[in-house]
């Protein structure tokens, strides 16, 4: 889906498998001055990224059974100056660190709105005033973070991860299907 009404607008690629969310976000970003293209899977996103070489990108971390981190790396290879935001409903420390290492500008946990995204695009440095929680992570959150770190180390292969964790594959799938425990 292409929403183009001006050649002078900065290009924005939005990649999210939730087509309704993608459409709503695209319309909001057009109102904020972007020439917006939406895709819903990695294959199409790579094709569009190679064609457009966007100045900005918003990438969902979890695209079906695939990782949006693949796109972060690919888009960064195409243009190291592209400002990339990774969005996710499954935020974890491991995926945030990997997204930034691969070249994402920011990593935002859903739900977010267009104003949150615009603020992230405009930020060019870290914030030393970011508050530090006075509480350690809960045992449930630590388990969730650990599982996701091991999953990332095994290239999102559930079978290999289950074996590494000495856990039944179905048990791991059940744990992965749950929303993360709040920080």
C-alpha atoms as a PDB file:
ATOM      1  CA  UNK A   1       0.000   0.000   0.000  1.00  0.00           C
ATOM      2  CA  UNK A   2       1.556   3.294  -1.101  1.00  0.00           C
ATOM      3  CA  UNK A   3       0.375   6.608   0.270  1.00  0.00           C
ATOM      4  CA  UNK A   4       2.147   9.211  -1.816  1.00  0.00           C
ATOM      5  CA  UNK A   5       1.012  12.758  -2.451  1.00  0.00           C
ATOM      6  CA  UNK A   6       4.326  14.591  -2.650  1.00  0.00           C
ATOM      7  CA  UNK A   7       7.781  13.799  -3.979  1.00  0.00           C
ATOM      8  CA  UNK A   8       9.396  16.127  -1.382  1.00  0.00           C
ATOM      9  CA  UNK A   9       8.192  14.057   1.576  1.00  0.00           C
ATOM     10  CA  UNK A  10      10.654  11.784   3.432  1.00  0.00           C
ATOM     11  CA  UNK A  11      10.108   8.117   2.620  1.00  0.00           C
ATOM     12  CA  UNK A  12       8.846   5.787   5.360  1.00  0.00           C
ATOM     13  CA  UNK A  13       8.567   2.009   5.163  1.00  0.00           C
ATOM     14  CA  UNK A  14       6.174   0.436   7.683  1.00  0.00           C
ATOM     15  CA  UNK A  15       6.386  -3.336   8.128  1.00  0.00           C
ATOM     16  CA  UNK A  16       3.761  -4.973  10.336  1.00  0.00           C
ATOM     17  CA  UNK A  17       1.752  -8.158   9.831  1.00  0.00           C
ATOM     18  CA  UNK A  18      -1.290  -6.503  11.443  1.00  0.00           C
ATOM     19  CA  UNK A  19      -2.743  -4.919   8.308  1.00  0.00           C
ATOM     20  CA  UNK A  20      -5.271  -2.772  10.192  1.00  0.00           C
ATOM     21  CA  UNK A  21      -2.616  -1.333  12.508  1.00  0.00           C
ATOM     22  CA  UNK A  22      -0.316  -0.775   9.536  1.00  0.00           C
ATOM     23  CA  UNK A  23      -3.002   1.130   7.627  1.00  0.00           C
ATOM     24  CA  UNK A  24      -3.948   3.315  10.591  1.00  0.00           C
ATOM     25  CA  UNK A  25      -0.294   4.083  11.325  1.00  0.00           C
ATOM     26  CA  UNK A  26       0.398   4.840   7.651  1.00  0.00           C
ATOM     27  CA  UNK A  27      -2.448   7.368   7.513  1.00  0.00           C
ATOM     28  CA  UNK A  28      -1.219   9.013  10.721  1.00  0.00           C
ATOM     29  CA  UNK A  29       2.323   9.251   9.378  1.00  0.00           C
ATOM     30  CA  UNK A  30       1.143  10.715   6.048  1.00  0.00           C
ATOM     31  CA  UNK A  31      -0.536  13.477   8.091  1.00  0.00           C
ATOM     32  CA  UNK A  32       2.842  14.075   9.714  1.00  0.00           C
ATOM     33  CA  UNK A  33       4.546  14.588   6.351  1.00  0.00           C
ATOM     34  CA  UNK A  34       5.796  11.170   5.225  1.00  0.00           C
ATOM     35  CA  UNK A  35       5.543   9.361   1.897  1.00  0.00           C
ATOM     36  CA  UNK A  36       4.475   6.034   3.374  1.00  0.00           C
ATOM     37  CA  UNK A  37       4.691   2.456   2.087  1.00  0.00           C
ATOM     38  CA  UNK A  38       3.279  -0.512   4.042  1.00  0.00           C
ATOM     39  CA  UNK A  39       4.249  -4.149   3.755  1.00  0.00           C
ATOM     40  CA  UNK A  40       3.209  -7.119   5.861  1.00  0.00           C
ATOM     41  CA  UNK A  41       5.997  -9.691   5.498  1.00  0.00           C
ATOM     42  CA  UNK A  42       9.761  -9.857   5.261  1.00  0.00           C
ATOM     43  CA  UNK A  43       9.963 -10.837   1.579  1.00  0.00           C
ATOM     44  CA  UNK A  44       7.874  -7.880   0.386  1.00  0.00           C
ATOM     45  CA  UNK A  45       9.576  -5.546   2.843  1.00  0.00           C
ATOM     46  CA  UNK A  46      13.018  -6.414   1.462  1.00  0.00           C
ATOM     47  CA  UNK A  47      11.779  -5.850  -2.094  1.00  0.00           C
ATOM     48  CA  UNK A  48      10.326  -2.444  -1.150  1.00  0.00           C
ATOM     49  CA  UNK A  49      13.411  -1.469   0.866  1.00  0.00           C
ATOM     50  CA  UNK A  50      15.668  -2.248  -2.099  1.00  0.00           C
ATOM     51  CA  UNK A  51      13.378  -0.287  -4.413  1.00  0.00           C
ATOM     52  CA  UNK A  52      12.808   2.736  -2.152  1.00  0.00           C
ATOM     53  CA  UNK A  53      15.841   2.791   0.194  1.00  0.00           C
ATOM     54  CA  UNK A  54      13.671   4.577   2.770  1.00  0.00           C
ATOM     55  CA  UNK A  55      14.870   7.422   4.963  1.00  0.00           C
ATOM     56  CA  UNK A  56      12.752   6.063   7.834  1.00  0.00           C
ATOM     57  CA  UNK A  57      11.437   2.614   8.750  1.00  0.00           C
ATOM     58  CA  UNK A  58       9.078   1.210  11.363  1.00  0.00           C
ATOM     59  CA  UNK A  59       9.472  -2.551  11.745  1.00  0.00           C
ATOM     60  CA  UNK A  60       7.430  -4.920  13.871  1.00  0.00           C
ATOM     61  CA  UNK A  61       9.736  -7.310  15.727  1.00  0.00           C
ATOM     62  CA  UNK A  62       7.537 -10.360  15.238  1.00  0.00           C
ATOM     63  CA  UNK A  63       6.278 -10.860  11.686  1.00  0.00           C
ATOM     64  CA  UNK A  64       4.391 -14.143  11.796  1.00  0.00           C
ATOM     65  CA  UNK A  65       7.059 -16.711  12.579  1.00  0.00           C
ATOM     66  CA  UNK A  66       9.889 -14.475  11.373  1.00  0.00           C
ATOM     67  CA  UNK A  67      11.987 -11.854  13.122  1.00  0.00           C
ATOM     68  CA  UNK A  68      11.887  -8.229  12.024  1.00  0.00           C
ATOM     69  CA  UNK A  69      15.531  -8.025  13.101  1.00  0.00           C
ATOM     70  CA  UNK A  70      16.406  -9.469   9.679  1.00  0.00           C
ATOM     71  CA  UNK A  71      14.956  -6.316   8.131  1.00  0.00           C
ATOM     72  CA  UNK A  72      16.825  -4.007  10.493  1.00  0.00           C
ATOM     73  CA  UNK A  73      20.085  -5.511   9.318  1.00  0.00           C
ATOM     74  CA  UNK A  74      19.084  -5.458   5.615  1.00  0.00           C
ATOM     75  CA  UNK A  75      17.836  -1.855   5.670  1.00  0.00           C
ATOM     76  CA  UNK A  76      20.953  -0.713   7.542  1.00  0.00           C
ATOM     77  CA  UNK A  77      23.087  -2.379   4.827  1.00  0.00           C
ATOM     78  CA  UNK A  78      21.145  -0.520   2.128  1.00  0.00           C
ATOM     79  CA  UNK A  79      21.537   2.863   3.853  1.00  0.00           C
ATOM     80  CA  UNK A  80      23.313   3.296   7.197  1.00  0.00           C
ATOM     81  CA  UNK A  81      21.529   6.650   7.587  1.00  0.00           C
ATOM     82  CA  UNK A  82      18.015   5.198   7.663  1.00  0.00           C
ATOM     83  CA  UNK A  83      16.330   5.900  11.008  1.00  0.00           C
ATOM     84  CA  UNK A  84      14.758   2.596  12.078  1.00  0.00           C
ATOM     85  CA  UNK A  85      12.283   2.020  14.898  1.00  0.00           C
ATOM     86  CA  UNK A  86      11.484  -1.508  16.021  1.00  0.00           C
ATOM     87  CA  UNK A  87       7.998  -1.945  17.497  1.00  0.00           C
ATOM     88  CA  UNK A  88       6.950  -4.948  19.522  1.00  0.00           C
ATOM     89  CA  UNK A  89       4.289  -6.331  21.774  1.00  0.00           C
ATOM     90  CA  UNK A  90       6.916  -8.775  23.053  1.00  0.00           C
ATOM     91  CA  UNK A  91       9.554  -6.419  24.425  1.00  0.00           C
ATOM     92  CA  UNK A  92      12.599  -7.974  26.041  1.00  0.00           C
ATOM     93  CA  UNK A  93      16.046  -6.780  26.970  1.00  0.00           C
ATOM     94  CA  UNK A  94      17.643  -9.326  24.610  1.00  0.00           C
ATOM     95  CA  UNK A  95      15.687  -8.217  21.544  1.00  0.00           C
ATOM     96  CA  UNK A  96      16.157  -4.530  22.393  1.00  0.00           C
ATOM     97  CA  UNK A  97      19.925  -4.973  22.621  1.00  0.00           C
ATOM     98  CA  UNK A  98      20.049  -6.960  19.366  1.00  0.00           C
ATOM     99  CA  UNK A  99      17.870  -4.418  17.538  1.00  0.00           C
ATOM    100  CA  UNK A 100      20.193  -1.584  18.533  1.00  0.00           C
ATOM    101  CA  UNK A 101      23.327  -3.619  17.710  1.00  0.00           C
ATOM    102  CA  UNK A 102      21.890  -4.335  14.250  1.00  0.00           C
ATOM    103  CA  UNK A 103      21.269  -0.646  13.628  1.00  0.00           C
ATOM    104  CA  UNK A 104      17.825   0.282  14.928  1.00  0.00           C
ATOM    105  CA  UNK A 105      17.584   3.861  16.102  1.00  0.00           C
ATOM    106  CA  UNK A 106      14.945   3.062  18.733  1.00  0.00           C
ATOM    107  CA  UNK A 107      12.967   0.146  20.145  1.00  0.00           C
ATOM    108  CA  UNK A 108       9.416   0.828  21.343  1.00  0.00           C
ATOM    109  CA  UNK A 109       7.010  -1.488  23.135  1.00  0.00           C
ATOM    110  CA  UNK A 110       3.426  -1.503  21.872  1.00  0.00           C
ATOM    111  CA  UNK A 111       1.006   0.081  22.319  1.00  0.00           C
ATOM    112  CA  UNK A 112       2.429   3.219  20.741  1.00  0.00           C
ATOM    113  CA  UNK A 113       0.910   6.019  18.748  1.00  0.00           C
ATOM    114  CA  UNK A 114       2.227   8.193  15.944  1.00  0.00           C
ATOM    115  CA  UNK A 115       3.354  10.884  18.407  1.00  0.00           C
ATOM    116  CA  UNK A 116       5.508   8.344  20.278  1.00  0.00           C
ATOM    117  CA  UNK A 117       7.066   7.297  16.979  1.00  0.00           C
ATOM    118  CA  UNK A 118       7.694  10.889  15.905  1.00  0.00           C
ATOM    119  CA  UNK A 119       9.381  11.607  19.242  1.00  0.00           C
ATOM    120  CA  UNK A 120      11.589   8.524  18.756  1.00  0.00           C
ATOM    121  CA  UNK A 121      12.522   9.593  15.204  1.00  0.00           C
ATOM    122  CA  UNK A 122      13.473  13.053  16.487  1.00  0.00           C
ATOM    123  CA  UNK A 123      15.675  11.778  19.337  1.00  0.00           C
ATOM    124  CA  UNK A 124      19.278  11.605  18.245  1.00  0.00           C
ATOM    125  CA  UNK A 125      20.985  10.782  21.541  1.00  0.00           C
ATOM    126  CA  UNK A 126      20.438   8.948  24.790  1.00  0.00           C
ATOM    127  CA  UNK A 127      18.884  10.458  27.906  1.00  0.00           C
ATOM    128  CA  UNK A 128      21.019  10.359  31.046  1.00  0.00           C
ATOM    129  CA  UNK A 129      17.937  11.369  33.039  1.00  0.00           C
ATOM    130  CA  UNK A 130      16.149   8.080  32.283  1.00  0.00           C
ATOM    131  CA  UNK A 131      14.875   6.835  35.643  1.00  0.00           C
ATOM    132  CA  UNK A 132      16.331   3.641  37.095  1.00  0.00           C
ATOM    133  CA  UNK A 133      13.825   1.331  38.736  1.00  0.00           C
ATOM    134  CA  UNK A 134      14.376   0.861  42.452  1.00  0.00           C
ATOM    135  CA  UNK A 135      13.131  -2.734  42.137  1.00  0.00           C
ATOM    136  CA  UNK A 136      14.892  -5.742  40.627  1.00  0.00           C
ATOM    137  CA  UNK A 137      13.140  -7.776  37.936  1.00  0.00           C
ATOM    138  CA  UNK A 138      10.678 -10.386  39.166  1.00  0.00           C
ATOM    139  CA  UNK A 139      11.582 -14.074  38.908  1.00  0.00           C
ATOM    140  CA  UNK A 140       8.904 -14.462  36.189  1.00  0.00           C
ATOM    141  CA  UNK A 141      10.354 -11.566  34.190  1.00  0.00           C
ATOM    142  CA  UNK A 142      13.895 -12.901  34.591  1.00  0.00           C
ATOM    143  CA  UNK A 143      12.739 -16.282  33.273  1.00  0.00           C
ATOM    144  CA  UNK A 144      11.035 -14.594  30.311  1.00  0.00           C
ATOM    145  CA  UNK A 145      14.160 -12.538  29.546  1.00  0.00           C
ATOM    146  CA  UNK A 146      16.427 -15.580  29.843  1.00  0.00           C
ATOM    147  CA  UNK A 147      14.263 -17.684  27.525  1.00  0.00           C
ATOM    148  CA  UNK A 148      14.259 -14.921  24.919  1.00  0.00           C
ATOM    149  CA  UNK A 149      18.019 -14.434  25.174  1.00  0.00           C
ATOM    150  CA  UNK A 150      18.594 -18.155  24.572  1.00  0.00           C
ATOM    151  CA  UNK A 151      16.050 -18.079  21.726  1.00  0.00           C
ATOM    152  CA  UNK A 152      17.946 -15.187  20.091  1.00  0.00           C
ATOM    153  CA  UNK A 153      21.259 -17.036  20.509  1.00  0.00           C
ATOM    154  CA  UNK A 154      19.692 -19.982  18.650  1.00  0.00           C
ATOM    155  CA  UNK A 155      18.399 -17.876  15.734  1.00  0.00           C
ATOM    156  CA  UNK A 156      14.774 -18.191  16.954  1.00  0.00           C
ATOM    157  CA  UNK A 157      14.871 -21.977  16.540  1.00  0.00           C
ATOM    158  CA  UNK A 158      12.381 -23.282  19.096  1.00  0.00           C
ATOM    159  CA  UNK A 159      13.559 -26.914  18.969  1.00  0.00           C
ATOM    160  CA  UNK A 160      17.208 -26.033  19.556  1.00  0.00           C
ATOM    161  CA  UNK A 161      16.254 -23.546  22.282  1.00  0.00           C
ATOM    162  CA  UNK A 162      14.057 -26.107  24.066  1.00  0.00           C
ATOM    163  CA  UNK A 163      16.940 -28.570  24.027  1.00  0.00           C
ATOM    164  CA  UNK A 164      19.376 -25.929  25.336  1.00  0.00           C
ATOM    165  CA  UNK A 165      16.957 -25.096  28.163  1.00  0.00           C
ATOM    166  CA  UNK A 166      16.334 -28.772  28.896  1.00  0.00           C
ATOM    167  CA  UNK A 167      12.639 -28.080  28.349  1.00  0.00           C
ATOM    168  CA  UNK A 168       9.956 -29.854  26.347  1.00  0.00           C
ATOM    169  CA  UNK A 169       9.299 -28.079  23.046  1.00  0.00           C
ATOM    170  CA  UNK A 170       5.566 -27.652  23.775  1.00  0.00           C
ATOM    171  CA  UNK A 171       6.325 -26.187  27.199  1.00  0.00           C
ATOM    172  CA  UNK A 172       8.623 -23.646  25.565  1.00  0.00           C
ATOM    173  CA  UNK A 173       6.006 -22.814  22.914  1.00  0.00           C
ATOM    174  CA  UNK A 174       3.429 -22.252  25.654  1.00  0.00           C
ATOM    175  CA  UNK A 175       5.799 -19.922  27.522  1.00  0.00           C
ATOM    176  CA  UNK A 176       6.611 -18.034  24.314  1.00  0.00           C
ATOM    177  CA  UNK A 177       2.937 -17.554  23.463  1.00  0.00           C
ATOM    178  CA  UNK A 178       2.312 -15.659  26.714  1.00  0.00           C
ATOM    179  CA  UNK A 179       2.694 -11.908  26.939  1.00  0.00           C
ATOM    180  CA  UNK A 180       5.798 -10.830  28.841  1.00  0.00           C
ATOM    181  CA  UNK A 181       5.529 -10.181  32.539  1.00  0.00           C
ATOM    182  CA  UNK A 182       5.478  -6.421  33.139  1.00  0.00           C
ATOM    183  CA  UNK A 183       8.684  -4.806  34.381  1.00  0.00           C
END
